[in-house]
Protein backbone atom coordinates (compact mmCIF):
# COMPACT_ATOMS: atom_id res chain seq x y z
CA MET A 1 192.94 148.66 117.73
CA TRP A 2 193.89 152.33 117.36
CA LYS A 3 197.50 151.36 116.59
CA GLN A 4 196.34 149.19 113.68
CA TYR A 5 194.13 152.04 112.48
CA LEU A 6 197.03 154.50 112.67
CA ALA A 7 199.33 152.10 110.80
CA GLY A 8 196.69 151.70 108.08
CA LEU A 9 196.36 155.47 107.73
CA VAL A 10 200.12 155.88 107.38
CA ILE A 11 200.37 153.11 104.77
CA SER A 12 197.41 154.48 102.80
CA ALA A 13 198.88 157.98 102.89
CA GLY A 14 202.15 156.61 101.51
CA ALA A 15 200.31 154.65 98.80
CA VAL A 16 198.32 157.72 97.76
CA TYR A 17 201.55 159.74 97.61
CA LEU A 18 203.20 157.13 95.37
CA PHE A 19 200.09 156.91 93.20
CA LEU A 20 200.06 160.68 92.63
CA LYS A 21 203.81 160.66 92.02
CA VAL A 22 203.66 157.87 89.43
CA VAL A 23 200.47 158.88 87.61
CA ASP A 24 200.43 161.80 85.17
CA LEU A 25 197.36 163.74 86.27
CA GLY A 26 197.04 165.56 82.94
CA GLN A 27 197.02 162.26 81.01
CA MET A 28 194.68 160.80 83.60
CA SER A 29 192.18 163.62 83.03
CA GLU A 30 192.42 163.11 79.27
CA ALA A 31 191.89 159.34 79.62
CA LEU A 32 188.80 159.91 81.77
CA SER A 33 187.36 162.31 79.19
CA ARG A 34 187.73 159.65 76.45
CA MET A 35 186.35 156.80 78.57
CA HIS A 36 183.54 154.69 77.03
CA LEU A 37 180.93 154.82 79.78
CA VAL A 38 178.83 151.98 78.34
CA TYR A 39 181.34 149.45 79.70
CA LEU A 40 180.40 150.42 83.24
CA ILE A 41 177.23 148.31 82.79
CA PRO A 42 178.89 144.89 82.37
CA CYS A 43 181.48 145.91 84.94
CA ALA A 44 178.77 146.59 87.52
CA ILE A 45 176.85 143.40 86.68
CA LEU A 46 179.91 141.18 87.04
CA TYR A 47 180.84 142.76 90.35
CA LEU A 48 177.33 142.26 91.71
CA ALA A 49 177.34 138.63 90.50
CA HIS A 50 180.43 137.79 92.53
CA TYR A 51 178.53 138.61 95.73
CA VAL A 52 176.03 135.86 94.90
CA PHE A 53 178.81 133.26 94.88
CA ARG A 54 180.26 134.68 98.09
CA ALA A 55 176.92 134.35 99.87
CA LEU A 56 176.38 130.82 98.53
CA ARG A 57 179.81 129.78 99.79
CA TRP A 58 179.13 131.28 103.21
CA ARG A 59 175.89 129.30 103.40
CA PHE A 60 177.84 126.04 103.05
CA LEU A 61 180.42 127.19 105.60
CA MET A 62 177.62 128.07 108.05
CA ARG A 63 175.74 124.77 107.76
CA PRO A 64 177.53 123.02 110.68
CA VAL A 65 176.79 126.07 112.85
CA ALA A 66 173.21 126.91 111.88
CA SER A 67 170.84 126.72 108.92
CA VAL A 68 170.61 130.27 107.59
CA GLY A 69 168.89 131.38 104.40
CA PHE A 70 170.60 133.05 101.46
CA LYS A 71 169.11 136.53 102.02
CA PRO A 72 170.19 136.94 105.69
CA LEU A 73 173.70 135.85 104.72
CA LEU A 74 173.83 138.25 101.78
CA SER A 75 172.49 141.04 103.99
CA ALA A 76 175.04 140.48 106.78
CA MET A 77 177.88 140.12 104.28
CA LEU A 78 177.12 143.38 102.46
CA ILE A 79 176.64 145.28 105.71
CA GLY A 80 180.02 143.93 106.77
CA PHE A 81 181.65 145.06 103.55
CA LEU A 82 180.01 148.46 104.05
CA GLY A 83 181.72 148.46 107.44
CA ASN A 84 185.08 147.66 105.83
CA ASN A 85 184.61 150.67 103.55
CA LEU A 86 183.71 153.08 106.34
CA LEU A 87 185.09 151.74 109.63
CA PRO A 88 188.75 151.48 110.68
CA ALA A 89 190.85 148.34 111.11
CA HIS A 90 188.60 146.05 109.02
CA LEU A 91 185.90 146.08 111.68
CA GLY A 92 183.45 145.08 108.97
CA GLU A 93 184.36 141.43 109.51
CA PHE A 94 183.16 141.71 113.13
CA VAL A 95 180.11 143.63 111.93
CA ARG A 96 179.14 140.60 109.81
CA ALA A 97 179.19 138.35 112.87
CA TYR A 98 177.22 140.91 114.89
CA VAL A 99 174.50 141.37 112.25
CA LEU A 100 174.06 137.67 111.49
CA GLY A 101 174.11 136.58 115.13
CA ARG A 102 171.83 139.38 116.35
CA GLY A 103 168.49 137.93 117.43
CA ARG A 104 169.18 134.50 115.94
CA GLY A 105 170.85 132.84 118.90
CA ILE A 106 173.94 131.90 116.88
CA SER A 107 177.35 132.01 118.53
CA LYS A 108 179.23 134.97 117.12
CA SER A 109 182.54 133.18 117.74
CA SER A 110 181.35 130.34 115.49
CA ILE A 111 180.30 132.87 112.84
CA MET A 112 183.73 134.50 113.04
CA ALA A 113 185.32 131.08 112.46
CA THR A 114 183.38 130.71 109.21
CA ILE A 115 184.54 134.18 108.15
CA VAL A 116 188.15 133.26 108.90
CA MET A 117 187.76 130.07 106.87
CA GLU A 118 186.23 132.13 104.06
CA ARG A 119 189.30 134.35 103.98
CA VAL A 120 191.61 131.33 103.93
CA TYR A 121 189.73 129.87 100.96
CA ASP A 122 189.96 133.29 99.29
CA GLY A 123 193.72 133.33 99.78
CA LEU A 124 194.23 129.80 98.46
CA THR A 125 192.02 130.50 95.43
CA VAL A 126 193.89 133.70 94.60
CA LEU A 127 197.18 131.79 94.78
CA PHE A 128 195.75 129.08 92.50
CA LEU A 129 194.81 131.75 89.94
CA LEU A 130 198.27 133.29 90.27
CA MET A 131 199.74 129.89 89.44
CA LEU A 132 197.56 129.72 86.29
CA VAL A 133 198.73 133.20 85.29
CA LEU A 134 202.38 132.24 85.73
CA LEU A 135 201.86 129.05 83.73
CA PHE A 136 199.75 130.31 80.84
CA MET A 137 200.37 134.05 80.49
CA ASP A 138 203.36 135.48 78.67
CA LEU A 139 204.47 137.97 81.30
CA PRO A 140 206.69 140.93 80.36
CA ASP A 141 210.34 140.83 81.37
CA ARG A 142 210.33 144.47 82.39
CA GLY A 143 209.40 145.76 85.81
CA VAL A 144 207.66 148.94 86.92
CA GLU A 145 209.69 151.72 88.48
CA GLY A 146 208.87 152.09 92.16
CA SER A 147 207.29 148.63 92.50
CA LEU A 148 208.35 145.01 92.97
CA LEU A 149 205.98 143.88 90.22
CA THR A 150 208.01 141.50 88.06
CA ALA A 151 207.53 137.89 87.00
CA GLN A 152 210.03 136.83 89.66
CA GLY A 153 208.33 139.04 92.24
CA LEU A 154 204.98 137.37 91.47
CA ARG A 155 206.54 133.93 91.89
CA THR A 156 208.06 134.95 95.22
CA ALA A 157 204.74 136.41 96.40
CA GLY A 158 203.01 133.20 95.36
CA TRP A 159 205.34 130.97 97.38
CA LEU A 160 205.21 133.24 100.43
CA GLY A 161 201.44 133.45 100.22
CA LEU A 162 201.15 129.69 99.89
CA ALA A 163 203.27 129.20 103.00
CA VAL A 164 201.16 131.67 105.00
CA PHE A 165 197.74 130.39 103.97
CA ALA A 166 198.72 126.72 104.08
CA GLY A 167 200.10 127.26 107.58
CA LEU A 168 196.95 129.07 108.65
CA MET A 169 194.76 126.30 107.24
CA ALA A 170 196.86 123.68 109.04
CA GLY A 171 196.55 125.57 112.32
CA LEU A 172 192.78 125.90 111.99
CA GLN A 173 192.38 122.23 111.17
CA LEU A 174 194.55 121.32 114.17
CA LEU A 175 192.12 123.27 116.35
CA ARG A 176 189.22 121.44 114.72
CA TRP A 177 190.63 117.90 114.94
CA GLN A 178 192.48 118.24 118.26
CA GLN A 179 190.06 120.58 119.97
CA GLU A 180 190.40 119.17 123.49
CA ARG A 181 194.19 119.17 123.35
CA VAL A 182 194.38 122.73 121.96
CA LEU A 183 191.89 123.98 124.55
CA GLY A 184 194.00 122.30 127.22
CA TRP A 185 197.08 124.20 126.00
CA LEU A 186 195.06 127.43 125.98
CA SER A 187 193.77 126.79 129.50
CA TRP A 188 197.34 126.29 130.73
CA CYS A 189 198.47 129.55 129.08
CA LEU A 190 195.57 131.46 130.65
CA ARG A 191 196.13 130.20 134.20
CA PRO A 192 197.50 133.55 135.49
CA LEU A 193 194.23 135.29 134.51
CA PRO A 194 191.07 135.43 136.63
CA GLU A 195 188.84 132.36 136.36
CA ARG A 196 185.96 134.35 134.81
CA ILE A 197 188.14 135.57 131.93
CA THR A 198 189.67 132.13 131.41
CA ARG A 199 186.26 130.45 131.29
CA ARG A 200 184.91 133.01 128.81
CA ALA A 201 188.01 132.67 126.59
CA LEU A 202 187.69 128.88 126.53
CA GLU A 203 183.99 129.11 125.69
CA MET A 204 184.74 131.44 122.79
CA ALA A 205 187.58 129.22 121.55
CA SER A 206 185.30 126.16 121.70
CA ALA A 207 182.57 127.94 119.76
CA PHE A 208 185.17 129.15 117.25
CA ALA A 209 186.36 125.57 116.74
CA GLY A 210 182.77 124.54 116.07
CA GLY A 211 182.62 126.94 113.15
CA LEU A 212 185.61 125.36 111.40
CA ALA A 213 183.86 122.16 110.35
CA LEU A 214 182.09 121.36 107.09
CA ALA A 215 178.95 119.22 107.02
CA SER A 216 180.11 116.87 104.24
CA ARG A 217 182.57 116.35 101.40
CA ARG A 218 179.89 117.61 99.04
CA ASP A 219 179.82 120.87 100.99
CA LEU A 220 183.61 121.11 100.67
CA LEU A 221 183.31 120.77 96.89
CA ALA A 222 180.61 123.46 96.91
CA VAL A 223 182.85 125.78 98.92
CA LEU A 224 185.77 125.21 96.53
CA ALA A 225 183.56 125.73 93.46
CA ASN A 226 182.02 128.94 94.80
CA SER A 227 185.45 130.22 95.83
CA LEU A 228 186.71 129.68 92.28
CA LEU A 229 183.60 131.27 90.74
CA THR A 230 183.89 134.26 93.10
CA TRP A 231 187.41 135.06 91.95
CA VAL A 232 186.87 134.18 88.29
CA PHE A 233 184.01 136.69 88.23
CA LEU A 234 186.24 139.27 89.92
CA GLY A 235 188.84 138.65 87.22
CA LEU A 236 186.14 139.12 84.57
CA TRP A 237 185.07 142.29 86.39
CA ALA A 238 188.57 143.71 86.10
CA TRP A 239 188.83 142.61 82.45
CA SER A 240 185.41 144.06 81.50
CA LEU A 241 186.63 147.62 82.15
CA PHE A 242 189.67 147.36 79.83
CA PRO A 243 187.69 148.30 76.67
CA ALA A 244 186.42 151.45 78.39
CA PHE A 245 189.99 152.79 78.09
CA ASP A 246 190.77 151.09 74.73
CA LEU A 247 193.05 148.56 76.41
CA ASP A 248 193.55 145.48 74.24
CA LEU A 249 194.30 143.01 77.03
CA GLY A 250 193.01 139.46 77.45
CA ILE A 251 191.06 137.84 80.24
CA MET A 252 194.24 136.53 81.89
CA ALA A 253 195.37 140.14 82.27
CA GLY A 254 192.18 140.82 84.21
CA VAL A 255 192.86 137.81 86.42
CA LEU A 256 196.42 139.01 87.01
CA LEU A 257 195.21 142.48 87.97
CA GLU A 258 192.67 141.09 90.43
CA VAL A 259 195.27 138.76 91.95
CA VAL A 260 197.75 141.60 92.49
CA VAL A 261 195.04 143.84 93.97
CA ALA A 262 193.88 141.03 96.27
CA LEU A 263 197.41 140.48 97.54
CA ALA A 264 197.87 144.23 98.05
CA LEU A 265 194.68 144.40 100.11
CA LEU A 266 196.25 142.10 102.69
CA ILE A 267 198.39 145.08 103.69
CA PRO A 268 196.84 147.21 106.48
CA SER A 269 195.25 150.35 105.08
CA ALA A 270 192.69 153.05 105.73
CA PRO A 271 188.99 152.19 105.29
CA ALA A 272 187.96 151.23 101.72
CA PHE A 273 191.56 150.17 100.94
CA LEU A 274 192.32 153.73 99.99
CA GLY A 275 195.60 154.01 98.11
CA THR A 276 196.62 150.35 98.25
CA PHE A 277 193.90 149.35 95.77
CA HIS A 278 194.70 152.23 93.41
CA LEU A 279 198.44 151.71 93.49
CA ALA A 280 198.22 147.94 92.92
CA ALA A 281 195.83 148.32 89.97
CA ALA A 282 197.86 151.14 88.38
CA PHE A 283 201.18 149.30 88.80
CA THR A 284 199.70 146.15 87.23
CA LEU A 285 198.47 148.02 84.16
CA GLY A 286 201.81 149.80 83.90
CA TYR A 287 203.51 146.41 84.05
CA LEU A 288 201.28 145.26 81.19
CA GLY A 289 202.26 148.28 79.07
CA ALA A 290 199.55 150.88 79.71
CA GLY A 291 200.41 154.56 80.03
CA THR A 292 200.36 156.13 83.46
CA GLY A 293 197.32 158.29 82.69
CA VAL A 294 195.25 155.33 81.51
CA ALA A 295 196.49 153.13 84.38
CA GLY A 296 195.57 155.75 86.97
CA SER A 297 192.15 156.43 85.45
CA TYR A 298 191.34 152.74 85.23
CA ALA A 299 192.36 152.17 88.86
CA MET A 300 190.22 155.07 90.04
CA VAL A 301 187.12 153.98 88.10
CA LEU A 302 187.44 150.30 89.09
CA TRP A 303 187.73 151.31 92.74
CA LEU A 304 184.70 153.61 92.44
CA VAL A 305 182.57 150.82 90.93
CA GLN A 306 183.15 148.52 93.88
CA PHE A 307 182.98 151.32 96.45
CA VAL A 308 179.68 152.79 95.22
CA LEU A 309 177.93 149.45 94.60
CA THR A 310 179.02 147.95 97.91
CA ASN A 311 178.01 151.01 99.90
CA LEU A 312 174.60 151.37 98.22
CA LEU A 313 173.76 147.71 98.79
CA GLY A 314 175.17 147.78 102.32
CA LEU A 315 173.09 150.84 103.21
CA TYR A 316 169.97 149.23 101.77
CA PHE A 317 170.43 146.07 103.83
CA LEU A 318 171.37 148.14 106.88
CA TRP A 319 168.04 149.93 106.55
CA SER A 320 166.14 146.67 105.93
CA GLU A 321 167.66 145.16 109.11
CA GLY A 322 166.39 148.16 111.08
CA LEU A 323 169.89 149.15 112.17
CA GLY A 324 171.31 152.63 112.51
CA TRP A 325 174.93 153.47 111.81
CA LYS A 326 175.66 154.29 115.46
CA ALA A 327 174.42 150.88 116.62
CA LEU A 328 176.31 149.16 113.82
CA SER A 329 179.69 150.76 114.57
CA LYS A 330 179.28 150.11 118.29
CA GLY A 331 178.28 146.50 117.59
CA GLY A 332 181.36 145.96 115.44
CA GLU A 333 183.66 147.39 118.11
CA ASP A 334 182.03 145.28 120.83
CA GLU A 335 182.48 142.10 118.78
CA ALA A 336 186.10 142.98 118.06
């Protein structure tokens, strides 16, 4: 775990260095001083709204595992995202399983399976939106110095991403549909280990497989619809902040920015996606023609909106669950 954390710190440090090298700090300060603060209101509302669709989607993914209400799911999700902002190595995903399973008698391995499926649906939805951008948006021919952000680069990223997420989805469904066979393979691979460890690993794998199912085709449609609404609202969130910096860019530009940021966040980083978020957002605006000062200011403010809102809500739900930070961080590490 510490190696992943160290790698994330190194990558974030490099991203911050590139961000400060590319962005003109004097122009950035000037852009911030001229920012129209009123646009922070719709920006905040749209970002909060996307969490509603996330929680609704998770409810459908959880139905084969256990019937859980909307509020407990929203609470666990936001505490988990708080963990991603403050804990290393994306431990927030394990925190979600810990918080939701705590005291409810739900297998945490099954909960983790639903979280993995959620991330796969996120990836496939982002790639679908990227396809729409490539089809319907007139992308500039130019690139951005220091980045791979070009129309061809986006196409390449789209195909690579599709291969990764389609392969992951196929592997997960193989585990779901051929559970006994896959568990047999796993048992054979674990034969050199002590029986206690092998038995526990097989129990966890079986519970994980149980979390991969969906209750019905209607639930699948609900998951797909809420995935699309989640990312459309995130695209609107990115777009809603453009007028704050007098950027005359359309909604598809907001979708493009959110897609690029989402792909960048797949790269290991320090907690809160420090550096990778900023660099991806600034490079995208630079690609669309914005000055470096405006691009850097926009990236910083957009990151602050999500960071502050997520942490405030996460802390509120952490308090309402009666959890302290020490117990939370230990619980996340234990689950991991």
